[in-house]
Amino acid sequence: MDVLLLLGAWLIGLAVILGALSASSMRVVAQYEKGVVFRLGRARSVREPGLAEAAANTAE
């Protein structure tokens, strides 16, 4: 029983940490601006206004 309680607490903690990391990587791009994604100093893509992920994977 103690093992299940410990495992459940560990999984809840992991879910909270992953949720916080995911929420901190989101950004709202204002209507009057565009977001530019840089990878290794080079512009990779342009994000349109709206909700954008800060570290989005781009396969270009």
Protein backbone atom coordinates (compact mmCIF):
# COMPACT_ATOMS: atom_id res chain seq x y z
CA MET A 1 0.00 0.00 0.00
CA ASP A 2 2.82 2.41 0.83
CA VAL A 3 4.45 1.70 -2.54
CA LEU A 4 1.26 2.65 -4.41
CA LEU A 5 0.94 5.84 -2.41
CA LEU A 6 4.56 6.76 -3.13
CA LEU A 7 4.17 5.97 -6.83
CA GLY A 8 0.98 8.04 -7.04
CA ALA A 9 2.63 11.01 -5.34
CA TRP A 10 5.61 10.73 -7.68
CA LEU A 11 3.37 10.66 -10.76
CA ILE A 12 1.35 13.66 -9.56
CA GLY A 13 4.57 15.59 -8.93
CA LEU A 14 5.86 14.71 -12.39
CA ALA A 15 2.57 15.82 -13.96
CA VAL A 16 2.73 19.16 -12.12
CA ILE A 17 6.32 19.77 -13.27
CA LEU A 18 5.53 18.88 -16.89
CA GLY A 19 2.44 21.08 -16.82
CA ALA A 20 4.42 24.04 -15.47
CA LEU A 21 7.10 23.60 -18.14
CA SER A 22 4.49 23.37 -20.86
CA ALA A 23 2.64 26.45 -19.62
CA SER A 24 5.85 28.49 -19.40
CA SER A 25 6.73 27.73 -23.03
CA MET A 26 3.50 29.24 -24.37
CA ARG A 27 3.29 32.85 -25.49
CA VAL A 28 0.53 34.99 -26.97
CA VAL A 29 1.70 36.88 -30.07
CA ALA A 30 -0.17 40.20 -30.22
CA GLN A 31 -2.35 41.06 -33.22
CA TYR A 32 0.08 43.73 -34.47
CA GLU A 33 3.26 41.64 -34.29
CA LYS A 34 4.70 38.45 -35.71
CA GLY A 35 6.89 36.02 -33.82
CA VAL A 36 10.19 34.90 -35.36
CA VAL A 37 11.66 31.53 -34.35
CA PHE A 38 15.46 31.48 -34.25
CA ARG A 39 17.49 28.25 -34.25
CA LEU A 40 21.27 28.52 -33.82
CA GLY A 41 21.22 32.20 -34.78
CA ARG A 42 19.22 31.74 -37.97
CA ALA A 43 15.58 32.66 -38.57
CA ARG A 44 13.69 29.38 -39.06
CA SER A 45 10.03 30.40 -39.26
CA VAL A 46 7.53 33.17 -38.59
CA ARG A 47 4.62 32.73 -36.17
CA GLU A 48 1.38 34.49 -36.93
CA PRO A 49 -0.67 36.30 -34.24
CA GLY A 50 -2.34 34.06 -31.65
CA LEU A 51 -1.18 31.40 -29.22
CA ALA A 52 2.30 30.12 -30.11
CA GLU A 53 4.64 27.64 -28.48
CA ALA A 54 8.01 29.24 -27.74
CA ALA A 55 10.03 26.09 -28.52
CA ALA A 56 8.00 24.67 -31.40
CA ASN A 57 9.59 21.98 -33.53
CA THR A 58 10.00 23.03 -37.13
CA ALA A 59 10.97 20.52 -39.77
CA GLU A 60 12.38 22.91 -42.35
